[in-house]
Amino acid sequence: MTLLEHLRRMARNSLWSNDRLYRAVLALQPGEFEAERTSFFPSIRETLNHILAVDHLYLDFLTEGGVGAAAYDDFVPFDDAASLAAAQADFDRKLIAFCDSLTDADLNRRVITDRRGDGLIPERIGDLLAHVFLHDIHHRGQVHAMLSGTSAPPPQLDEFLLDYDSKLRKDEVERLGL
């Protein structure tokens, strides 16, 4: 498997993982989504909004959209889980399309990242994608832990890559068109 193939699989994994996570979030009882909890961000709602805000920032960098840091700064958080879930799924499909459009040579191409006071920093596309996936996994893990203290059980999020697990994700993969 090439690095590009791996990154494309990771983009699909993000859609699948987010779908599983949001299905649990959408099953929460009233008040649980926004309830204060112990974590890096103080609620499930704030953590999931942070993930999407950072996703928008990095996709702007990757596509050379020209919005820069404002892609994060101007992000309007979602108050309800259903709207946030839909926006995340829309983003995930855009990231898949972006990854599918890349060539192996693109992974070493540098794009400018707007780091506000630290300046405009050129970064490799492959490194930026790896960072986005790590960032999202990191914060999805926090949401997963927070779900442990709610009425909705946290879903299994590591059944995507192995053939052994294919029977556990088959229906979701088909429903998502992956």
N, C-alpha and C. Protein backbone atom coordinates (compact mmCIF):
# COMPACT_ATOMS: atom_id res chain seq x y z
N MET A 1 0.84 -1.18 0.00
CA MET A 1 0.00 0.00 0.00
C MET A 1 0.89 1.24 0.00
N THR A 2 0.54 2.20 -0.81
CA THR A 2 1.30 3.45 -0.86
C THR A 2 0.77 4.39 0.23
N LEU A 3 1.53 5.43 0.49
CA LEU A 3 1.09 6.44 1.45
C LEU A 3 -0.20 7.09 0.98
N LEU A 4 -0.31 7.37 -0.30
CA LEU A 4 -1.52 7.97 -0.83
C LEU A 4 -2.74 7.06 -0.61
N GLU A 5 -2.57 5.78 -0.87
CA GLU A 5 -3.67 4.84 -0.62
C GLU A 5 -4.06 4.84 0.86
N HIS A 6 -3.07 4.88 1.71
CA HIS A 6 -3.34 4.91 3.16
C HIS A 6 -4.11 6.18 3.54
N LEU A 7 -3.70 7.32 3.03
CA LEU A 7 -4.39 8.56 3.36
C LEU A 7 -5.83 8.54 2.84
N ARG A 8 -6.03 7.97 1.68
CA ARG A 8 -7.40 7.83 1.17
C ARG A 8 -8.24 6.93 2.08
N ARG A 9 -7.65 5.87 2.58
CA ARG A 9 -8.37 5.00 3.51
C ARG A 9 -8.66 5.73 4.81
N MET A 10 -7.73 6.54 5.26
CA MET A 10 -7.94 7.30 6.49
C MET A 10 -9.05 8.32 6.33
N ALA A 11 -9.18 8.92 5.15
CA ALA A 11 -10.28 9.85 4.91
C ALA A 11 -11.61 9.11 5.00
N ARG A 12 -11.66 7.92 4.45
CA ARG A 12 -12.88 7.11 4.54
C ARG A 12 -13.14 6.66 5.98
N ASN A 13 -12.06 6.34 6.68
CA ASN A 13 -12.19 5.98 8.09
C ASN A 13 -12.77 7.14 8.89
N SER A 14 -12.40 8.35 8.56
CA SER A 14 -12.95 9.51 9.28
C SER A 14 -14.45 9.61 9.10
N LEU A 15 -14.92 9.43 7.87
CA LEU A 15 -16.36 9.46 7.63
C LEU A 15 -17.05 8.36 8.43
N TRP A 16 -16.51 7.17 8.37
CA TRP A 16 -17.10 6.03 9.07
C TRP A 16 -17.06 6.24 10.59
N SER A 17 -15.91 6.65 11.13
CA SER A 17 -15.79 6.87 12.58
C SER A 17 -16.73 7.96 13.05
N ASN A 18 -16.78 9.04 12.30
CA ASN A 18 -17.68 10.13 12.69
C ASN A 18 -19.13 9.69 12.61
N ASP A 19 -19.46 8.90 11.62
CA ASP A 19 -20.83 8.39 11.51
C ASP A 19 -21.18 7.56 12.75
N ARG A 20 -20.31 6.68 13.15
CA ARG A 20 -20.56 5.86 14.35
C ARG A 20 -20.66 6.74 15.59
N LEU A 21 -19.74 7.67 15.73
CA LEU A 21 -19.73 8.53 16.91
C LEU A 21 -20.99 9.38 16.97
N TYR A 22 -21.37 9.97 15.85
CA TYR A 22 -22.56 10.82 15.84
C TYR A 22 -23.85 10.03 16.03
N ARG A 23 -23.88 8.77 15.62
CA ARG A 23 -25.07 7.97 15.88
C ARG A 23 -25.27 7.84 17.39
N ALA A 24 -24.17 7.69 18.14
CA ALA A 24 -24.27 7.65 19.60
C ALA A 24 -24.67 9.01 20.14
N VAL A 25 -24.05 10.06 19.63
CA VAL A 25 -24.35 11.42 20.10
C VAL A 25 -25.82 11.76 19.84
N LEU A 26 -26.33 11.36 18.71
CA LEU A 26 -27.74 11.66 18.38
C LEU A 26 -28.72 10.88 19.26
N ALA A 27 -28.22 9.87 19.95
CA ALA A 27 -29.07 9.09 20.85
C ALA A 27 -29.04 9.62 22.29
N LEU A 28 -28.27 10.68 22.53
CA LEU A 28 -28.17 11.24 23.88
C LEU A 28 -29.53 11.77 24.36
N GLN A 29 -29.70 11.74 25.65
CA GLN A 29 -30.89 12.33 26.27
C GLN A 29 -30.76 13.86 26.25
N PRO A 30 -31.86 14.58 26.30
CA PRO A 30 -31.79 16.05 26.34
C PRO A 30 -30.86 16.53 27.46
N GLY A 31 -30.01 17.47 27.09
CA GLY A 31 -29.09 18.07 28.04
C GLY A 31 -27.71 17.42 28.09
N GLU A 32 -27.59 16.20 27.58
CA GLU A 32 -26.30 15.50 27.67
C GLU A 32 -25.27 16.02 26.65
N PHE A 33 -25.72 16.45 25.50
CA PHE A 33 -24.82 16.93 24.45
C PHE A 33 -24.03 18.16 24.90
N GLU A 34 -24.71 19.07 25.58
CA GLU A 34 -24.07 20.32 26.00
C GLU A 34 -23.62 20.30 27.46
N ALA A 35 -23.88 19.22 28.19
CA ALA A 35 -23.54 19.15 29.61
C ALA A 35 -22.03 19.29 29.83
N GLU A 36 -21.67 19.99 30.90
CA GLU A 36 -20.26 20.16 31.24
C GLU A 36 -19.67 18.83 31.68
N ARG A 37 -18.48 18.56 31.16
CA ARG A 37 -17.78 17.31 31.46
C ARG A 37 -16.30 17.59 31.64
N THR A 38 -15.59 16.63 32.17
CA THR A 38 -14.14 16.76 32.34
C THR A 38 -13.46 16.26 31.08
N SER A 39 -12.80 17.17 30.38
CA SER A 39 -12.05 16.83 29.18
C SER A 39 -11.30 18.08 28.73
N PHE A 40 -10.61 17.99 27.60
CA PHE A 40 -9.87 19.13 27.07
C PHE A 40 -10.82 20.28 26.77
N PHE A 41 -11.95 19.97 26.13
CA PHE A 41 -13.05 20.91 25.96
C PHE A 41 -14.15 20.48 26.92
N PRO A 42 -14.92 21.42 27.46
CA PRO A 42 -15.81 21.08 28.57
C PRO A 42 -17.14 20.41 28.22
N SER A 43 -17.33 20.00 26.96
CA SER A 43 -18.58 19.29 26.63
C SER A 43 -18.38 18.53 25.33
N ILE A 44 -19.28 17.61 25.10
CA ILE A 44 -19.29 16.88 23.83
C ILE A 44 -19.52 17.87 22.69
N ARG A 45 -20.48 18.78 22.88
CA ARG A 45 -20.79 19.76 21.84
C ARG A 45 -19.55 20.58 21.48
N GLU A 46 -18.85 21.10 22.48
CA GLU A 46 -17.68 21.94 22.18
C GLU A 46 -16.56 21.15 21.54
N THR A 47 -16.37 19.91 21.94
CA THR A 47 -15.32 19.09 21.35
C THR A 47 -15.62 18.80 19.89
N LEU A 48 -16.85 18.41 19.59
CA LEU A 48 -17.21 18.11 18.20
C LEU A 48 -17.17 19.35 17.32
N ASN A 49 -17.56 20.50 17.86
CA ASN A 49 -17.44 21.75 17.09
C ASN A 49 -15.98 22.07 16.82
N HIS A 50 -15.11 21.83 17.80
CA HIS A 50 -13.68 22.09 17.61
C HIS A 50 -13.12 21.22 16.48
N ILE A 51 -13.49 19.95 16.48
CA ILE A 51 -13.02 19.05 15.41
C ILE A 51 -13.39 19.63 14.05
N LEU A 52 -14.64 20.01 13.88
CA LEU A 52 -15.09 20.50 12.58
C LEU A 52 -14.44 21.84 12.24
N ALA A 53 -14.27 22.72 13.22
CA ALA A 53 -13.63 24.01 12.95
C ALA A 53 -12.20 23.81 12.46
N VAL A 54 -11.46 22.91 13.09
CA VAL A 54 -10.08 22.63 12.66
C VAL A 54 -10.08 21.94 11.31
N ASP A 55 -11.04 21.05 11.07
CA ASP A 55 -11.14 20.42 9.76
C ASP A 55 -11.29 21.48 8.66
N HIS A 56 -12.15 22.46 8.90
CA HIS A 56 -12.34 23.53 7.91
C HIS A 56 -11.04 24.31 7.68
N LEU A 57 -10.34 24.60 8.76
CA LEU A 57 -9.07 25.32 8.65
C LEU A 57 -8.08 24.56 7.77
N TYR A 58 -7.90 23.29 8.06
CA TYR A 58 -6.91 22.53 7.32
C TYR A 58 -7.33 22.25 5.88
N LEU A 59 -8.61 22.07 5.63
CA LEU A 59 -9.02 21.88 4.25
C LEU A 59 -8.78 23.16 3.45
N ASP A 60 -8.96 24.31 4.08
CA ASP A 60 -8.63 25.56 3.39
C ASP A 60 -7.14 25.60 3.07
N PHE A 61 -6.29 25.21 4.01
CA PHE A 61 -4.85 25.17 3.73
C PHE A 61 -4.58 24.21 2.57
N LEU A 62 -5.12 23.00 2.66
CA LEU A 62 -4.84 21.96 1.68
C LEU A 62 -5.30 22.34 0.27
N THR A 63 -6.42 23.00 0.18
CA THR A 63 -6.96 23.37 -1.13
C THR A 63 -6.51 24.75 -1.57
N GLU A 64 -5.70 25.39 -0.74
CA GLU A 64 -5.23 26.75 -1.02
C GLU A 64 -6.41 27.68 -1.27
N GLY A 65 -7.38 27.55 -0.34
CA GLY A 65 -8.62 28.30 -0.46
C GLY A 65 -8.49 29.79 -0.20
N GLY A 66 -7.41 30.19 0.48
CA GLY A 66 -7.15 31.61 0.69
C GLY A 66 -7.84 32.23 1.89
N VAL A 67 -8.60 31.46 2.65
CA VAL A 67 -9.28 32.02 3.82
C VAL A 67 -8.30 32.13 4.99
N GLY A 68 -7.38 31.19 5.10
CA GLY A 68 -6.38 31.21 6.15
C GLY A 68 -6.97 30.98 7.53
N ALA A 69 -6.36 31.60 8.55
CA ALA A 69 -6.78 31.39 9.94
C ALA A 69 -8.24 31.75 10.16
N ALA A 70 -8.79 32.60 9.33
CA ALA A 70 -10.20 32.98 9.47
C ALA A 70 -11.13 31.79 9.28
N ALA A 71 -10.66 30.74 8.59
CA ALA A 71 -11.48 29.54 8.44
C ALA A 71 -11.81 28.94 9.80
N TYR A 72 -10.91 29.10 10.76
CA TYR A 72 -11.15 28.66 12.14
C TYR A 72 -11.83 29.76 12.94
N ASP A 73 -11.27 30.96 12.83
CA ASP A 73 -11.77 32.09 13.64
C ASP A 73 -13.23 32.40 13.36
N ASP A 74 -13.65 32.28 12.12
CA ASP A 74 -15.01 32.65 11.72
C ASP A 74 -16.00 31.47 11.77
N PHE A 75 -15.52 30.32 12.21
CA PHE A 75 -16.39 29.15 12.30
C PHE A 75 -17.50 29.43 13.31
N VAL A 76 -18.74 29.18 12.91
CA VAL A 76 -19.89 29.39 13.79
C VAL A 76 -20.27 28.03 14.36
N PRO A 77 -20.10 27.85 15.68
CA PRO A 77 -20.41 26.54 16.29
C PRO A 77 -21.89 26.19 16.16
N PHE A 78 -22.14 24.92 16.07
CA PHE A 78 -23.49 24.39 16.00
C PHE A 78 -24.00 24.13 17.41
N ASP A 79 -25.25 24.48 17.66
CA ASP A 79 -25.85 24.24 18.96
C ASP A 79 -26.49 22.87 19.08
N ASP A 80 -26.89 22.29 17.93
CA ASP A 80 -27.59 21.01 18.01
C ASP A 80 -26.78 19.92 17.31
N ALA A 81 -26.90 18.72 17.83
CA ALA A 81 -26.11 17.59 17.34
C ALA A 81 -26.47 17.22 15.91
N ALA A 82 -27.73 17.29 15.53
CA ALA A 82 -28.13 16.86 14.18
C ALA A 82 -27.49 17.75 13.11
N SER A 83 -27.51 19.05 13.30
CA SER A 83 -26.90 19.96 12.33
C SER A 83 -25.39 19.79 12.27
N LEU A 84 -24.79 19.60 13.43
CA LEU A 84 -23.34 19.38 13.49
C LEU A 84 -22.98 18.06 12.80
N ALA A 85 -23.76 17.03 13.03
CA ALA A 85 -23.50 15.74 12.39
C ALA A 85 -23.57 15.88 10.86
N ALA A 86 -24.56 16.57 10.37
CA ALA A 86 -24.70 16.76 8.92
C ALA A 86 -23.53 17.55 8.35
N ALA A 87 -23.11 18.59 9.06
CA ALA A 87 -21.99 19.40 8.60
C ALA A 87 -20.69 18.60 8.61
N GLN A 88 -20.50 17.75 9.61
CA GLN A 88 -19.30 16.92 9.67
C GLN A 88 -19.30 15.90 8.54
N ALA A 89 -20.43 15.28 8.27
CA ALA A 89 -20.52 14.32 7.17
C ALA A 89 -20.22 14.99 5.83
N ASP A 90 -20.72 16.21 5.65
CA ASP A 90 -20.45 16.97 4.43
C ASP A 90 -18.95 17.24 4.31
N PHE A 91 -18.34 17.66 5.40
CA PHE A 91 -16.89 17.89 5.38
C PHE A 91 -16.14 16.61 5.04
N ASP A 92 -16.51 15.51 5.71
CA ASP A 92 -15.81 14.24 5.50
C ASP A 92 -15.85 13.82 4.04
N ARG A 93 -16.97 14.04 3.38
CA ARG A 93 -17.07 13.69 1.95
C ARG A 93 -16.19 14.62 1.10
N LYS A 94 -16.07 15.88 1.49
CA LYS A 94 -15.16 16.79 0.79
C LYS A 94 -13.71 16.36 0.97
N LEU A 95 -13.36 15.90 2.17
CA LEU A 95 -11.99 15.44 2.41
C LEU A 95 -11.70 14.18 1.59
N ILE A 96 -12.65 13.28 1.50
CA ILE A 96 -12.47 12.09 0.66
C ILE A 96 -12.24 12.52 -0.78
N ALA A 97 -13.05 13.42 -1.28
CA ALA A 97 -12.89 13.88 -2.67
C ALA A 97 -11.53 14.54 -2.87
N PHE A 98 -11.08 15.33 -1.89
CA PHE A 98 -9.77 15.96 -2.00
C PHE A 98 -8.68 14.88 -2.07
N CYS A 99 -8.73 13.92 -1.16
CA CYS A 99 -7.71 12.86 -1.14
C CYS A 99 -7.74 12.06 -2.44
N ASP A 100 -8.93 11.80 -2.95
CA ASP A 100 -9.06 11.05 -4.20
C ASP A 100 -8.48 11.82 -5.39
N SER A 101 -8.43 13.14 -5.29
CA SER A 101 -7.92 13.95 -6.39
C SER A 101 -6.39 14.06 -6.40
N LEU A 102 -5.76 13.63 -5.33
CA LEU A 102 -4.31 13.78 -5.21
C LEU A 102 -3.55 12.73 -6.01
N THR A 103 -2.32 13.10 -6.38
CA THR A 103 -1.37 12.14 -6.94
C THR A 103 -0.28 11.92 -5.90
N ASP A 104 0.52 10.91 -6.10
CA ASP A 104 1.64 10.66 -5.19
C ASP A 104 2.54 11.89 -5.08
N ALA A 105 2.78 12.56 -6.20
CA ALA A 105 3.65 13.74 -6.20
C ALA A 105 3.07 14.87 -5.36
N ASP A 106 1.74 14.96 -5.28
CA ASP A 106 1.11 16.03 -4.49
C ASP A 106 1.46 15.95 -3.01
N LEU A 107 1.72 14.76 -2.51
CA LEU A 107 1.94 14.59 -1.07
C LEU A 107 3.15 15.38 -0.58
N ASN A 108 4.15 15.58 -1.43
CA ASN A 108 5.34 16.36 -1.04
C ASN A 108 5.22 17.83 -1.39
N ARG A 109 4.18 18.18 -2.14
CA ARG A 109 3.98 19.59 -2.50
C ARG A 109 3.64 20.38 -1.24
N ARG A 110 4.21 21.55 -1.13
CA ARG A 110 3.96 22.40 0.04
C ARG A 110 2.88 23.42 -0.27
N VAL A 111 2.04 23.63 0.73
CA VAL A 111 1.02 24.67 0.68
C VAL A 111 1.23 25.57 1.89
N ILE A 112 0.75 26.77 1.80
CA ILE A 112 0.95 27.75 2.87
C ILE A 112 -0.10 27.55 3.96
N THR A 113 0.37 27.54 5.21
CA THR A 113 -0.53 27.52 6.35
C THR A 113 -0.40 28.86 7.08
N ASP A 114 -1.50 29.43 7.41
CA ASP A 114 -1.55 30.74 8.08
C ASP A 114 -1.52 30.51 9.59
N ARG A 115 -0.38 30.80 10.19
CA ARG A 115 -0.19 30.59 11.62
C ARG A 115 -0.23 31.89 12.41
N ARG A 116 -1.04 32.79 11.93
CA ARG A 116 -1.26 34.10 12.55
C ARG A 116 0.06 34.78 12.88
N GLY A 117 0.36 34.99 14.14
CA GLY A 117 1.56 35.70 14.56
C GLY A 117 2.86 34.98 14.23
N ASP A 118 2.78 33.69 13.99
CA ASP A 118 3.98 32.93 13.64
C ASP A 118 4.24 32.95 12.14
N GLY A 119 3.34 33.55 11.38
CA GLY A 119 3.57 33.73 9.96
C GLY A 119 2.93 32.69 9.07
N LEU A 120 3.31 32.75 7.82
CA LEU A 120 2.82 31.83 6.79
C LEU A 120 3.85 30.73 6.63
N ILE A 121 3.49 29.51 7.00
CA ILE A 121 4.43 28.39 7.04
C ILE A 121 4.07 27.39 5.95
N PRO A 122 5.02 27.11 5.04
CA PRO A 122 4.75 26.08 4.03
C PRO A 122 4.84 24.69 4.67
N GLU A 123 3.87 23.85 4.38
CA GLU A 123 3.84 22.48 4.90
C GLU A 123 3.52 21.52 3.76
N ARG A 124 4.01 20.28 3.88
CA ARG A 124 3.72 19.25 2.89
C ARG A 124 2.27 18.79 3.04
N ILE A 125 1.61 18.55 1.92
CA ILE A 125 0.23 18.08 1.93
C ILE A 125 0.12 16.76 2.69
N GLY A 126 1.04 15.84 2.48
CA GLY A 126 0.99 14.56 3.18
C GLY A 126 1.07 14.73 4.68
N ASP A 127 1.92 15.66 5.14
CA ASP A 127 2.03 15.91 6.58
C ASP A 127 0.77 16.56 7.13
N LEU A 128 0.20 17.49 6.37
CA LEU A 128 -1.03 18.14 6.82
C LEU A 128 -2.18 17.13 6.94
N LEU A 129 -2.30 16.24 5.97
CA LEU A 129 -3.35 15.23 6.04
C LEU A 129 -3.14 14.31 7.24
N ALA A 130 -1.90 13.88 7.46
CA ALA A 130 -1.62 13.03 8.62
C ALA A 130 -1.98 13.75 9.91
N HIS A 131 -1.68 15.04 9.97
CA HIS A 131 -2.02 15.82 11.16
C HIS A 131 -3.53 15.91 11.36
N VAL A 132 -4.27 16.15 10.30
CA VAL A 132 -5.73 16.24 10.40
C VAL A 132 -6.29 14.93 10.96
N PHE A 133 -5.82 13.81 10.44
CA PHE A 133 -6.33 12.52 10.91
C PHE A 133 -5.97 12.30 12.38
N LEU A 134 -4.73 12.63 12.77
CA LEU A 134 -4.34 12.47 14.17
C LEU A 134 -5.15 13.39 15.08
N HIS A 135 -5.33 14.62 14.67
CA HIS A 135 -6.11 15.58 15.45
C HIS A 135 -7.53 15.06 15.67
N ASP A 136 -8.16 14.61 14.61
CA ASP A 136 -9.53 14.14 14.71
C ASP A 136 -9.64 12.89 15.57
N ILE A 137 -8.72 11.95 15.41
CA ILE A 137 -8.72 10.74 16.23
C ILE A 137 -8.55 11.11 17.70
N HIS A 138 -7.64 12.01 17.98
CA HIS A 138 -7.38 12.47 19.35
C HIS A 138 -8.67 12.99 20.01
N HIS A 139 -9.34 13.88 19.33
CA HIS A 139 -10.54 14.48 19.92
C HIS A 139 -11.76 13.56 19.86
N ARG A 140 -11.85 12.70 18.84
CA ARG A 140 -12.92 11.70 18.86
C ARG A 140 -12.77 10.79 20.08
N GLY A 141 -11.53 10.50 20.43
CA GLY A 141 -11.29 9.69 21.63
C GLY A 141 -11.79 10.38 22.88
N GLN A 142 -11.66 11.69 22.94
CA GLN A 142 -12.18 12.42 24.10
C GLN A 142 -13.69 12.36 24.13
N VAL A 143 -14.34 12.50 22.99
CA VAL A 143 -15.80 12.38 22.94
C VAL A 143 -16.22 10.97 23.34
N HIS A 144 -15.48 10.00 22.86
CA HIS A 144 -15.74 8.61 23.20
C HIS A 144 -15.72 8.43 24.72
N ALA A 145 -14.71 8.98 25.37
CA ALA A 145 -14.60 8.88 26.83
C ALA A 145 -15.76 9.61 27.52
N MET A 146 -16.11 10.79 27.00
CA MET A 146 -17.22 11.54 27.61
C MET A 146 -18.54 10.78 27.46
N LEU A 147 -18.71 10.06 26.35
CA LEU A 147 -19.94 9.29 26.17
C LEU A 147 -20.10 8.22 27.25
N SER A 148 -18.99 7.78 27.83
CA SER A 148 -19.06 6.76 28.88
C SER A 148 -19.87 7.23 30.08
N GLY A 149 -20.00 8.55 30.25
CA GLY A 149 -20.77 9.09 31.36
C GLY A 149 -22.15 9.57 30.95
N THR A 150 -22.67 9.00 29.85
CA THR A 150 -23.99 9.41 29.35
C THR A 150 -24.90 8.19 29.20
N SER A 151 -26.08 8.45 28.71
CA SER A 151 -27.05 7.38 28.45
C SER A 151 -26.74 6.59 27.18
N ALA A 152 -25.86 7.11 26.32
CA ALA A 152 -25.51 6.45 25.05
C ALA A 152 -24.15 5.78 25.18
N PRO A 153 -24.07 4.49 24.97
CA PRO A 153 -22.77 3.82 25.07
C PRO A 153 -21.84 4.28 23.95
N PRO A 154 -20.54 4.43 24.28
CA PRO A 154 -19.59 4.83 23.24
C PRO A 154 -19.41 3.70 22.22
N PRO A 155 -19.35 4.05 20.93
CA PRO A 155 -19.23 3.03 19.89
C PRO A 155 -17.78 2.57 19.71
N GLN A 156 -17.64 1.39 19.15
CA GLN A 156 -16.33 0.88 18.77
C GLN A 156 -15.87 1.69 17.56
N LEU A 157 -14.65 2.25 17.62
CA LEU A 157 -14.18 3.11 16.52
C LEU A 157 -12.95 2.56 15.79
N ASP A 158 -12.54 1.33 16.12
CA ASP A 158 -11.33 0.81 15.48
C ASP A 158 -11.58 -0.46 14.68
N GLU A 159 -12.72 -0.54 14.03
CA GLU A 159 -13.06 -1.72 13.25
C GLU A 159 -13.12 -1.41 11.75
N PHE A 160 -12.23 -0.57 11.28
CA PHE A 160 -12.34 -0.12 9.90
C PHE A 160 -11.31 -0.72 8.95
N LEU A 161 -10.08 -0.90 9.38
CA LEU A 161 -9.01 -1.23 8.44
C LEU A 161 -8.82 -2.71 8.18
N LEU A 162 -9.06 -3.55 9.17
CA LEU A 162 -8.71 -4.96 9.04
C LEU A 162 -9.80 -5.78 8.36
N ASP A 163 -9.38 -6.73 7.55
CA ASP A 163 -10.33 -7.65 6.92
C ASP A 163 -11.12 -8.40 8.00
N TYR A 164 -10.47 -8.73 9.08
CA TYR A 164 -11.12 -9.44 10.19
C TYR A 164 -12.38 -8.72 10.66
N ASP A 165 -12.33 -7.41 10.67
CA ASP A 165 -13.44 -6.61 11.18
C ASP A 165 -14.49 -6.28 10.13
N SER A 166 -14.30 -6.72 8.90
CA SER A 166 -15.20 -6.31 7.81
C SER A 166 -16.66 -6.65 8.11
N LYS A 167 -16.91 -7.76 8.76
CA LYS A 167 -18.29 -8.15 9.06
C LYS A 167 -18.93 -7.19 10.07
N LEU A 168 -18.10 -6.48 10.85
CA LEU A 168 -18.60 -5.57 11.87
C LEU A 168 -18.94 -4.18 11.31
N ARG A 169 -18.47 -3.91 10.11
CA ARG A 169 -18.70 -2.59 9.51
C ARG A 169 -19.44 -2.67 8.18
N LYS A 170 -19.73 -3.87 7.72
CA LYS A 170 -20.29 -4.09 6.39
C LYS A 170 -21.49 -3.22 6.10
N ASP A 171 -22.49 -3.24 6.97
CA ASP A 171 -23.72 -2.47 6.72
C ASP A 171 -23.46 -0.97 6.67
N GLU A 172 -22.59 -0.48 7.56
CA GLU A 172 -22.29 0.95 7.59
C GLU A 172 -21.52 1.37 6.35
N VAL A 173 -20.55 0.56 5.96
CA VAL A 173 -19.75 0.86 4.77
C VAL A 173 -20.66 0.93 3.54
N GLU A 174 -21.59 0.00 3.44
CA GLU A 174 -22.52 0.03 2.31
C GLU A 174 -23.43 1.25 2.38
N ARG A 175 -23.97 1.55 3.57
CA ARG A 175 -24.86 2.70 3.73
C ARG A 175 -24.14 4.00 3.39
N LEU A 176 -22.86 4.11 3.75
CA LEU A 176 -22.08 5.32 3.50
C LEU A 176 -21.50 5.38 2.09
N GLY A 177 -21.63 4.28 1.35
CA GLY A 177 -21.10 4.26 -0.02
C GLY A 177 -19.61 4.14 -0.08
N LEU A 178 -19.02 3.50 0.93
CA LEU A 178 -17.57 3.35 0.97
C LEU A 178 -17.15 1.98 0.44
